[in-house]
Structures are given as structure tokens and as C-alpha cells.
């Protein structure tokens, strides 16, 4: 549920929902592995933080959400790979 809440950019009360999930022990570093049967629903090998940043393309980032995820232990790392959030 956390990764879905992070990737739904049009979710009303997104900050409150993500905060509630984290307060109730949602794992901020759990990644979703690729499953061909559900490829339309999930992002392969991405964490909630990466999902949030990747799906914020149509709006401005809410830095409260970024801080919230990091505050609950989300790992921050960047790569130059194909699926990198930041493309170099």
C-alpha cells in the first residue's frame, strides 16, 4: 500500500495517507519486484521514495512527503542506470 500511495500523484490527502501508513509500520524501503502478471500495477525494483519522485512529473514535489519518507528511514541513493530517477 505505501508504494501505491506514493505513486498515485492525484491521490487526495496523499501526505496524510503516507504518514498514516508509516506510523503504522509501513516499510519505507520495501521495493516491488517485477511480476509480469501485474506489470501494469507495479514499478519494478523501486522504493516508495523513488516511486513518489518518479510520478511527480505532472506536479511539483511536496517536500513534506520526501522529508517524511526520509525521516522514517527511506534510503537515498542515486544511480546513472536506466531506471534512475535522475537521468544524467
N, C-alpha and C. Protein backbone atom coordinates (compact mmCIF):
# COMPACT_ATOMS: atom_id res chain seq x y z
N UNK A 1 0.79 -1.22 0.00
CA UNK A 1 0.00 0.00 0.00
C UNK A 1 0.84 1.29 0.00
N UNK A 2 2.01 1.29 0.67
CA UNK A 2 2.81 2.52 0.72
C UNK A 2 3.31 2.92 -0.65
N UNK A 3 3.82 1.98 -1.39
CA UNK A 3 4.35 2.33 -2.72
C UNK A 3 3.23 2.81 -3.64
N UNK A 4 2.05 2.25 -3.49
CA UNK A 4 0.91 2.71 -4.30
C UNK A 4 0.50 4.13 -3.90
N UNK A 5 0.47 4.40 -2.61
CA UNK A 5 0.14 5.75 -2.15
C UNK A 5 1.16 6.76 -2.65
N UNK A 6 2.41 6.35 -2.77
CA UNK A 6 3.46 7.25 -3.24
C UNK A 6 3.41 7.49 -4.74
N UNK A 7 2.95 6.51 -5.49
CA UNK A 7 2.97 6.69 -6.94
C UNK A 7 1.69 7.29 -7.50
N UNK A 8 0.64 7.39 -6.70
CA UNK A 8 -0.61 7.98 -7.20
C UNK A 8 -0.58 9.49 -7.02
N UNK A 9 -0.14 10.18 -8.05
CA UNK A 9 0.08 11.62 -7.94
C UNK A 9 -1.21 12.42 -7.75
N UNK A 10 -2.36 11.85 -8.08
CA UNK A 10 -3.62 12.58 -7.94
C UNK A 10 -4.39 12.16 -6.68
N UNK A 11 -3.74 11.45 -5.78
CA UNK A 11 -4.36 10.98 -4.56
C UNK A 11 -4.64 12.15 -3.62
N UNK A 12 -5.90 12.31 -3.25
CA UNK A 12 -6.24 13.38 -2.30
C UNK A 12 -5.70 13.01 -0.93
N UNK A 13 -5.23 13.99 -0.20
CA UNK A 13 -4.66 13.78 1.14
C UNK A 13 -3.48 12.82 1.10
N UNK A 14 -2.69 12.88 0.06
CA UNK A 14 -1.57 11.95 -0.11
C UNK A 14 -0.61 11.99 1.08
N UNK A 15 -0.28 13.18 1.54
CA UNK A 15 0.64 13.31 2.68
C UNK A 15 0.07 12.59 3.91
N UNK A 16 -1.18 12.84 4.22
CA UNK A 16 -1.81 12.23 5.41
C UNK A 16 -1.87 10.71 5.30
N UNK A 17 -2.13 10.22 4.12
CA UNK A 17 -2.22 8.77 3.91
C UNK A 17 -0.85 8.14 4.08
N UNK A 18 0.16 8.74 3.46
CA UNK A 18 1.52 8.20 3.58
C UNK A 18 1.98 8.26 5.04
N UNK A 19 1.69 9.35 5.72
CA UNK A 19 2.06 9.48 7.13
C UNK A 19 1.38 8.40 7.97
N UNK A 20 0.11 8.17 7.74
CA UNK A 20 -0.62 7.14 8.48
C UNK A 20 -0.02 5.76 8.24
N UNK A 21 0.31 5.46 7.00
CA UNK A 21 0.91 4.16 6.69
C UNK A 21 2.26 4.00 7.40
N UNK A 22 3.07 5.04 7.37
CA UNK A 22 4.38 4.97 8.02
C UNK A 22 4.24 4.85 9.54
N UNK A 23 3.29 5.57 10.12
CA UNK A 23 3.05 5.48 11.56
C UNK A 23 2.58 4.09 11.97
N UNK A 24 2.04 3.35 11.01
CA UNK A 24 1.56 2.01 11.29
C UNK A 24 2.47 0.95 10.69
N UNK A 25 3.75 1.27 10.70
CA UNK A 25 4.83 0.33 10.38
C UNK A 25 4.98 -0.07 8.91
N UNK A 26 4.54 0.78 7.99
CA UNK A 26 4.83 0.52 6.59
C UNK A 26 6.34 0.65 6.40
N UNK A 27 6.91 -0.19 5.58
CA UNK A 27 8.37 -0.23 5.37
C UNK A 27 8.76 0.77 4.26
N UNK A 28 9.52 1.83 4.62
CA UNK A 28 9.86 2.85 3.64
C UNK A 28 10.89 2.41 2.59
N UNK A 29 11.49 1.24 2.75
CA UNK A 29 12.48 0.77 1.78
C UNK A 29 12.05 -0.49 1.06
N UNK A 30 10.83 -0.89 1.23
CA UNK A 30 10.37 -2.11 0.56
C UNK A 30 10.22 -1.82 -0.93
N UNK A 31 10.88 -2.64 -1.73
CA UNK A 31 10.78 -2.45 -3.17
C UNK A 31 9.84 -3.50 -3.74
N UNK A 32 9.28 -3.16 -4.86
CA UNK A 32 8.37 -4.07 -5.55
C UNK A 32 9.15 -4.73 -6.66
N UNK A 33 9.22 -6.06 -6.64
CA UNK A 33 9.91 -6.74 -7.72
C UNK A 33 8.97 -6.94 -8.90
N UNK A 34 9.57 -7.12 -10.03
CA UNK A 34 8.81 -7.24 -11.27
C UNK A 34 8.00 -8.53 -11.29
N UNK A 35 6.74 -8.39 -11.62
CA UNK A 35 5.85 -9.53 -11.78
C UNK A 35 5.11 -9.33 -13.10
N UNK A 36 5.38 -10.15 -14.11
CA UNK A 36 4.76 -9.95 -15.42
C UNK A 36 3.24 -9.92 -15.39
N UNK A 37 2.63 -10.63 -14.43
CA UNK A 37 1.17 -10.65 -14.35
C UNK A 37 0.60 -9.32 -13.86
N UNK A 38 1.43 -8.54 -13.18
CA UNK A 38 0.96 -7.27 -12.63
C UNK A 38 1.79 -6.09 -13.11
N UNK A 39 2.36 -6.20 -14.30
CA UNK A 39 3.26 -5.16 -14.76
C UNK A 39 2.57 -3.80 -14.93
N UNK A 40 1.27 -3.80 -15.10
CA UNK A 40 0.56 -2.53 -15.24
C UNK A 40 0.33 -1.86 -13.88
N UNK A 41 0.54 -2.58 -12.78
CA UNK A 41 0.26 -2.04 -11.46
C UNK A 41 1.52 -1.62 -10.70
N UNK A 42 2.63 -2.25 -10.97
CA UNK A 42 3.81 -2.04 -10.15
C UNK A 42 4.99 -1.52 -10.95
N UNK A 43 5.88 -0.89 -10.23
CA UNK A 43 7.11 -0.39 -10.82
C UNK A 43 8.21 -1.33 -10.38
N UNK A 44 8.92 -1.95 -11.31
CA UNK A 44 9.93 -2.92 -10.90
C UNK A 44 11.09 -2.31 -10.12
N UNK A 45 11.41 -2.91 -9.00
CA UNK A 45 12.60 -2.59 -8.21
C UNK A 45 12.66 -1.15 -7.73
N UNK A 46 11.55 -0.55 -7.44
CA UNK A 46 11.55 0.82 -6.95
C UNK A 46 11.02 0.86 -5.52
N UNK A 47 11.54 1.80 -4.77
CA UNK A 47 11.10 2.00 -3.39
C UNK A 47 10.01 3.08 -3.38
N UNK A 48 9.32 3.27 -2.25
CA UNK A 48 8.31 4.32 -2.19
C UNK A 48 8.85 5.72 -2.51
N UNK A 49 10.05 6.04 -2.05
CA UNK A 49 10.63 7.35 -2.34
C UNK A 49 10.86 7.54 -3.84
N UNK A 50 11.41 6.55 -4.48
CA UNK A 50 11.65 6.63 -5.92
C UNK A 50 10.31 6.69 -6.67
N UNK A 51 9.34 5.90 -6.23
CA UNK A 51 8.01 5.92 -6.86
C UNK A 51 7.40 7.31 -6.74
N UNK A 52 7.52 7.93 -5.57
CA UNK A 52 6.95 9.26 -5.38
C UNK A 52 7.60 10.28 -6.32
N UNK A 53 8.92 10.29 -6.35
CA UNK A 53 9.63 11.26 -7.20
C UNK A 53 9.34 11.00 -8.67
N UNK A 54 9.34 9.75 -9.07
CA UNK A 54 9.13 9.40 -10.48
C UNK A 54 7.74 9.81 -10.97
N UNK A 55 6.74 9.71 -10.10
CA UNK A 55 5.37 10.01 -10.52
C UNK A 55 4.94 11.44 -10.23
N UNK A 56 5.87 12.27 -9.82
CA UNK A 56 5.55 13.67 -9.56
C UNK A 56 5.76 14.52 -10.80
N UNK A 57 5.89 13.89 -11.96
CA UNK A 57 6.20 14.61 -13.20
C UNK A 57 5.14 15.63 -13.57
N UNK A 58 3.91 15.41 -13.17
CA UNK A 58 2.83 16.31 -13.58
C UNK A 58 2.49 17.36 -12.52
N UNK A 59 3.28 17.44 -11.48
CA UNK A 59 3.05 18.42 -10.42
C UNK A 59 4.36 18.68 -9.70
N UNK A 60 4.33 19.62 -8.82
CA UNK A 60 5.54 19.91 -8.03
C UNK A 60 5.68 18.89 -6.92
N UNK A 61 6.91 18.59 -6.57
CA UNK A 61 7.17 17.69 -5.45
C UNK A 61 6.70 18.33 -4.15
N UNK A 62 6.06 17.55 -3.32
CA UNK A 62 5.72 18.00 -1.97
C UNK A 62 6.88 17.57 -1.09
N UNK A 63 7.73 18.51 -0.75
CA UNK A 63 8.92 18.19 0.02
C UNK A 63 8.59 17.63 1.39
N UNK A 64 7.36 17.88 1.88
CA UNK A 64 6.95 17.29 3.15
C UNK A 64 6.94 15.76 3.04
N UNK A 65 6.51 15.25 1.89
CA UNK A 65 6.46 13.80 1.68
C UNK A 65 7.88 13.23 1.58
N UNK A 66 8.74 13.93 0.87
CA UNK A 66 10.14 13.49 0.75
C UNK A 66 10.77 13.44 2.14
N UNK A 67 10.60 14.52 2.92
CA UNK A 67 11.16 14.56 4.28
C UNK A 67 10.56 13.48 5.17
N UNK A 68 9.26 13.25 5.03
CA UNK A 68 8.57 12.23 5.82
C UNK A 68 9.16 10.85 5.56
N UNK A 69 9.30 10.49 4.29
CA UNK A 69 9.85 9.18 3.93
C UNK A 69 11.29 9.04 4.44
N UNK A 70 12.09 10.07 4.25
CA UNK A 70 13.48 10.01 4.73
C UNK A 70 13.51 9.95 6.25
N UNK A 71 12.63 10.69 6.90
CA UNK A 71 12.55 10.68 8.35
C UNK A 71 12.21 9.31 8.92
N UNK A 72 11.47 8.53 8.15
CA UNK A 72 11.13 7.17 8.57
C UNK A 72 12.14 6.15 8.07
N UNK A 73 13.24 6.62 7.54
CA UNK A 73 14.33 5.72 7.19
C UNK A 73 14.49 5.35 5.73
N UNK A 74 13.79 6.04 4.84
CA UNK A 74 13.96 5.75 3.42
C UNK A 74 15.40 6.01 3.01
N UNK A 75 16.00 5.05 2.35
CA UNK A 75 17.37 5.21 1.87
C UNK A 75 17.37 6.12 0.64
N UNK A 76 18.37 6.95 0.60
CA UNK A 76 18.52 7.87 -0.53
C UNK A 76 19.79 7.47 -1.27
N UNK A 77 19.62 7.05 -2.50
CA UNK A 77 20.78 6.73 -3.34
C UNK A 77 20.42 7.04 -4.77
N UNK A 78 21.40 7.38 -5.52
CA UNK A 78 21.19 7.73 -6.92
C UNK A 78 22.10 6.87 -7.78
N UNK A 79 21.62 6.56 -8.96
CA UNK A 79 22.43 5.80 -9.90
C UNK A 79 22.31 6.45 -11.27
N UNK A 80 23.13 6.02 -12.14
CA UNK A 80 23.07 6.52 -13.51
C UNK A 80 22.43 5.49 -14.43
N UNK A 81 21.77 4.52 -13.84
CA UNK A 81 21.15 3.44 -14.60
C UNK A 81 19.91 3.88 -15.35
N UNK A 82 19.40 2.97 -16.14
CA UNK A 82 18.23 3.23 -16.97
C UNK A 82 17.02 3.64 -16.15
N UNK A 83 16.85 3.07 -14.95
CA UNK A 83 15.69 3.37 -14.13
C UNK A 83 15.96 4.43 -13.08
N UNK A 84 17.04 5.16 -13.23
CA UNK A 84 17.36 6.20 -12.27
C UNK A 84 16.31 7.30 -12.32
N UNK A 85 15.96 7.82 -11.15
CA UNK A 85 15.02 8.93 -11.10
C UNK A 85 15.65 10.17 -11.72
N UNK A 86 16.93 10.35 -11.45
CA UNK A 86 17.66 11.47 -12.02
C UNK A 86 18.50 10.96 -13.17
N UNK A 87 18.18 11.40 -14.35
CA UNK A 87 18.94 10.95 -15.53
C UNK A 87 20.08 11.91 -15.79
N UNK A 88 21.28 11.35 -15.93
CA UNK A 88 22.47 12.16 -16.21
C UNK A 88 22.90 11.96 -17.64
